């Protein structure tokens, strides 16, 4: 591929997939919502809720995670209320350093500025015995590209359904997917799992149940939590949450 063709190709990609944010900082508005039992409509207390504002690089669809702008956790009260305070302005981390490549498309995709797309935030809700819930903002052509972020779920009522099935089915139809969605905490390099201790501990308890019942699974174990050499012992950090 000659130099002129490469230039035209990268220019075409830039026009097709413009950089997603010129903002130098991000802020987020507070989030308040209510969680209820889908069948009875009664408030659900003790629902663990995480919120992560995930940076991405690449195309308008994102598709390449680039770390977390913010990670938070809360637990619903007796009225089923969840609340996350607003935050920011917070500087956006710079783009990752890359090695040179002969593929101009890959170069373009991986050198766009980190930006928020629709996981701004991603909300994960879990209460043992219920189906977990994952919520994000709608990805539409005119989604929020500004520096101030808002959740589509602010002010809403969120319904959670009881899980009806065996423990084996609970894992294969629900816990497995929640575990995957929590990858932002398990795979992070900045001790992200320490920012969502209630959720991590709840899944560790489910892992213990599955192991006791000889059910094969892929849930994280406490010894398998990452970066413990950097972050400290997970056993020590989570001991009060695992009681």
Protein backbone atom coordinates (compact mmCIF):
# COMPACT_ATOMS: atom_id res chain seq x y z
CA UNK A 1 0.00 0.00 0.00
CA UNK A 2 1.71 3.24 -1.10
CA UNK A 3 1.90 6.33 1.14
CA UNK A 4 -0.69 8.35 -0.81
CA UNK A 5 -3.22 5.51 -0.67
CA UNK A 6 -2.60 5.09 3.06
CA UNK A 7 -3.22 8.79 3.62
CA UNK A 8 -6.47 8.72 1.63
CA UNK A 9 -7.59 5.57 3.44
CA UNK A 10 -7.01 7.04 6.90
CA UNK A 11 -8.68 10.30 5.82
CA UNK A 12 -11.71 8.30 4.66
CA UNK A 13 -11.89 6.54 8.05
CA UNK A 14 -11.62 9.85 9.87
CA UNK A 15 -14.58 11.21 7.92
CA UNK A 16 -16.57 8.02 8.36
CA UNK A 17 -15.76 7.59 12.07
CA UNK A 18 -15.03 11.02 13.55
CA UNK A 19 -13.47 11.27 16.98
CA UNK A 20 -16.17 11.01 19.59
CA UNK A 21 -15.33 13.72 22.07
CA UNK A 22 -13.37 16.94 22.06
CA UNK A 23 -14.02 17.31 25.79
CA UNK A 24 -11.01 17.49 28.09
CA UNK A 25 -13.02 16.54 31.17
CA UNK A 26 -16.15 14.63 32.06
CA UNK A 27 -18.76 15.20 34.76
CA UNK A 28 -21.86 13.21 35.68
CA UNK A 29 -25.21 14.21 37.12
CA UNK A 30 -26.56 12.40 40.21
CA UNK A 31 -28.60 9.23 39.65
CA UNK A 32 -31.63 8.34 41.73
CA UNK A 33 -33.91 5.39 40.98
CA UNK A 34 -36.12 2.85 42.73
CA UNK A 35 -35.97 -0.95 42.55
CA UNK A 36 -39.09 -3.08 43.05
CA UNK A 37 -40.15 -6.71 42.86
CA UNK A 38 -41.58 -7.21 39.38
CA UNK A 39 -44.44 -9.37 40.63
CA UNK A 40 -45.52 -7.57 43.80
CA UNK A 41 -44.34 -4.04 43.07
CA UNK A 42 -42.88 -3.88 46.58
CA UNK A 43 -39.57 -2.06 47.16
CA UNK A 44 -36.48 -4.24 47.22
CA UNK A 45 -34.00 -3.50 49.97
CA UNK A 46 -30.41 -4.71 49.82
CA UNK A 47 -30.02 -4.73 46.03
CA UNK A 48 -26.36 -4.19 45.16
CA UNK A 49 -25.89 -1.67 42.36
CA UNK A 50 -22.67 -0.80 40.57
CA UNK A 51 -22.13 2.07 38.14
CA UNK A 52 -19.17 2.28 35.79
CA UNK A 53 -18.48 4.97 33.23
CA UNK A 54 -16.44 3.06 30.65
CA UNK A 55 -14.07 4.82 28.28
CA UNK A 56 -13.72 3.39 24.80
CA UNK A 57 -11.61 4.01 21.73
CA UNK A 58 -12.30 3.38 18.06
CA UNK A 59 -15.47 3.63 16.05
CA UNK A 60 -18.72 5.35 17.09
CA UNK A 61 -19.75 2.01 18.55
CA UNK A 62 -16.66 2.12 20.76
CA UNK A 63 -15.78 -1.58 20.73
CA UNK A 64 -12.39 -1.28 22.44
CA UNK A 65 -12.50 -0.66 26.22
CA UNK A 66 -9.98 1.93 27.37
CA UNK A 67 -10.40 1.91 31.15
CA UNK A 68 -12.92 3.40 33.54
CA UNK A 69 -13.68 7.08 33.98
CA UNK A 70 -15.43 6.36 37.28
CA UNK A 71 -16.60 3.30 39.26
CA UNK A 72 -19.14 3.49 42.10
CA UNK A 73 -21.31 1.17 44.16
CA UNK A 74 -24.38 1.48 46.37
CA UNK A 75 -27.04 -0.70 48.05
CA UNK A 76 -30.76 0.05 47.98
CA UNK A 77 -32.48 1.15 51.19
CA UNK A 78 -35.79 -0.03 52.66
CA UNK A 79 -37.64 2.04 50.06
CA UNK A 80 -35.74 0.39 47.21
CA UNK A 81 -33.96 3.67 46.51
CA UNK A 82 -30.56 3.75 44.90
CA UNK A 83 -28.50 6.91 44.67
CA UNK A 84 -25.19 7.88 43.11
CA UNK A 85 -23.88 11.40 43.70
CA UNK A 86 -22.74 13.54 40.82
CA UNK A 87 -19.04 13.84 40.16
CA UNK A 88 -16.52 15.86 38.16
CA UNK A 89 -15.19 17.62 36.34
CA UNK A 90 -12.53 14.95 36.00
CA UNK A 91 -9.73 14.95 33.39
CA UNK A 92 -9.92 12.32 30.67
CA UNK A 93 -6.88 10.01 30.57
CA UNK A 94 -4.76 10.23 27.44
CA UNK A 95 -4.84 7.72 24.62
CA UNK A 96 -2.88 4.48 25.10
CA UNK A 97 0.62 4.25 23.72
CA UNK A 98 0.85 2.07 20.63
CA UNK A 99 3.53 0.36 18.64
CA UNK A 100 3.81 1.28 14.97
CA UNK A 101 1.70 -0.75 12.58
CA UNK A 102 1.42 -1.13 8.84
CA UNK A 103 -2.37 -1.40 9.09
CA UNK A 104 -3.76 2.17 8.82
CA UNK A 105 -7.28 1.11 9.83
CA UNK A 106 -6.02 -0.49 13.04
CA UNK A 107 -3.83 2.55 13.68
CA UNK A 108 -6.81 4.86 13.34
CA UNK A 109 -9.12 2.78 15.50
CA UNK A 110 -6.62 2.45 18.30
CA UNK A 111 -5.46 6.06 18.37
CA UNK A 112 -8.79 7.83 18.72
CA UNK A 113 -9.16 9.67 22.01
CA UNK A 114 -10.73 7.72 24.90
CA UNK A 115 -14.38 8.73 25.17
CA UNK A 116 -17.65 7.71 26.79
CA UNK A 117 -20.28 6.16 24.52
CA UNK A 118 -23.31 4.51 26.12
CA UNK A 119 -21.84 2.81 29.18
CA UNK A 120 -21.99 6.17 30.91
CA UNK A 121 -22.79 4.59 33.21
CA UNK A 122 -23.47 0.90 32.94
CA UNK A 123 -25.65 -0.11 35.90
CA UNK A 124 -25.52 -3.66 37.26
CA UNK A 125 -28.08 -4.78 39.85
CA UNK A 126 -27.90 -7.99 41.88
CA UNK A 127 -29.85 -9.55 44.74
CA UNK A 128 -29.56 -13.25 45.49
CA UNK A 129 -32.60 -15.15 44.24
CA UNK A 130 -33.42 -12.55 41.61
CA UNK A 131 -32.41 -12.18 37.97
CA UNK A 132 -29.59 -9.70 37.71
CA UNK A 133 -30.19 -6.55 35.68
CA UNK A 134 -27.79 -4.70 33.39
CA UNK A 135 -28.69 -1.25 32.09
CA UNK A 136 -26.95 1.23 29.79
CA UNK A 137 -27.94 4.38 27.95
CA UNK A 138 -29.52 4.05 24.52
CA UNK A 139 -27.03 4.09 21.65
CA UNK A 140 -28.64 6.35 19.08
CA UNK A 141 -27.27 8.56 16.34
CA UNK A 142 -27.48 11.69 18.49
CA UNK A 143 -26.32 10.18 21.78
CA UNK A 144 -24.68 12.45 24.32
CA UNK A 145 -21.24 13.52 23.13
CA UNK A 146 -20.87 16.33 25.66
CA UNK A 147 -18.77 16.55 28.79
CA UNK A 148 -21.79 16.35 31.15
CA UNK A 149 -23.22 12.84 31.30
CA UNK A 150 -26.74 11.77 32.30
CA UNK A 151 -28.23 8.34 32.92
CA UNK A 152 -31.38 7.31 31.05
CA UNK A 153 -32.43 5.56 34.28
CA UNK A 154 -32.41 8.58 36.53
CA UNK A 155 -35.85 9.00 38.12
CA UNK A 156 -37.05 5.61 36.87
CA UNK A 157 -38.44 2.52 38.62
CA UNK A 158 -36.49 -0.65 37.86
CA UNK A 159 -38.20 -4.04 38.15
CA UNK A 160 -36.37 -7.20 39.19
CA UNK A 161 -37.80 -10.68 38.64
CA UNK A 162 -37.32 -13.63 40.96
CA UNK A 163 -35.29 -16.42 39.40
CA UNK A 164 -37.23 -19.65 39.06
CA UNK A 165 -35.01 -22.65 38.48
CA UNK A 166 -32.19 -24.75 39.86
CA UNK A 167 -28.86 -23.46 41.13
CA UNK A 168 -27.22 -24.90 38.01
CA UNK A 169 -29.65 -22.89 35.87
CA UNK A 170 -29.10 -19.80 38.00
CA UNK A 171 -25.44 -19.94 37.05
CA UNK A 172 -25.85 -20.77 33.35
CA UNK A 173 -28.72 -18.34 32.71
CA UNK A 174 -27.78 -15.45 34.96
CA UNK A 175 -24.68 -15.45 37.14
CA UNK A 176 -22.41 -16.30 34.22
CA UNK A 177 -23.52 -13.19 32.35
CA UNK A 178 -23.31 -10.93 35.40
CA UNK A 179 -19.79 -12.22 35.96
CA UNK A 180 -18.95 -11.22 32.39
CA UNK A 181 -20.46 -7.76 32.77
CA UNK A 182 -18.35 -7.27 35.88
CA UNK A 183 -15.24 -7.69 33.77
CA UNK A 184 -14.55 -3.97 34.13
CA UNK A 185 -13.69 -4.67 37.78
CA UNK A 186 -12.06 -8.06 37.38
CA UNK A 187 -9.92 -7.10 34.39
CA UNK A 188 -8.97 -3.59 35.49
CA UNK A 189 -5.42 -2.65 36.39
CA UNK A 190 -6.31 -0.02 39.02
CA UNK A 191 -7.83 -2.19 41.77
CA UNK A 192 -11.33 -1.62 40.38
CA UNK A 193 -12.67 -4.65 42.26
CA UNK A 194 -12.00 -2.77 45.50
CA UNK A 195 -14.48 -0.08 44.41
CA UNK A 196 -17.35 -2.59 44.16
CA UNK A 197 -16.75 -4.78 47.24
CA UNK A 198 -20.41 -5.66 47.90
CA UNK A 199 -20.87 -6.98 44.36
CA UNK A 200 -17.59 -8.88 44.33
CA UNK A 201 -18.35 -10.43 47.73
CA UNK A 202 -21.88 -11.40 46.63
CA UNK A 203 -20.53 -13.26 43.62
CA UNK A 204 -17.84 -14.91 45.71
CA UNK A 205 -20.62 -16.25 47.96
CA UNK A 206 -22.38 -17.60 44.86
CA UNK A 207 -19.10 -19.18 43.76
CA UNK A 208 -18.88 -20.92 47.14
CA UNK A 209 -22.46 -22.23 46.76
CA UNK A 210 -21.72 -23.60 43.30
CA UNK A 211 -18.52 -25.26 44.46
CA UNK A 212 -20.27 -26.83 47.48
CA UNK A 213 -22.86 -28.30 45.13
CA UNK A 214 -20.22 -29.59 42.70
CA UNK A 215 -21.49 -27.36 39.87
CA UNK A 216 -18.88 -26.51 37.27
CA UNK A 217 -18.63 -22.76 36.76
CA UNK A 218 -16.41 -19.90 35.68
CA UNK A 219 -17.04 -17.40 38.46
CA UNK A 220 -14.05 -15.59 39.87
CA UNK A 221 -12.48 -16.97 43.02
CA UNK A 222 -11.03 -14.82 45.76
CA UNK A 223 -7.53 -16.00 44.98
CA UNK A 224 -8.12 -15.25 41.31
CA UNK A 225 -8.89 -11.56 41.77
CA UNK A 226 -6.26 -9.56 39.87
CA UNK A 227 -3.48 -7.18 40.92
CA UNK A 228 -3.39 -8.36 44.54
CA UNK A 229 0.35 -7.80 44.63
CA UNK A 230 -0.35 -4.14 43.87
CA UNK A 231 -3.72 -3.74 45.63
CA UNK A 232 -3.26 -5.94 48.68
CA UNK A 233 -4.87 -9.18 49.82
CA UNK A 234 -8.44 -9.73 48.65
CA UNK A 235 -8.99 -12.01 51.65
CA UNK A 236 -8.13 -9.17 53.99
CA UNK A 237 -9.93 -6.44 52.05
CA UNK A 238 -13.18 -8.37 51.65
CA UNK A 239 -13.34 -10.18 54.99
CA UNK A 240 -16.07 -7.95 56.44
CA UNK A 241 -18.13 -8.09 53.22
CA UNK A 242 -18.01 -11.90 53.17
CA UNK A 243 -19.53 -12.34 56.64
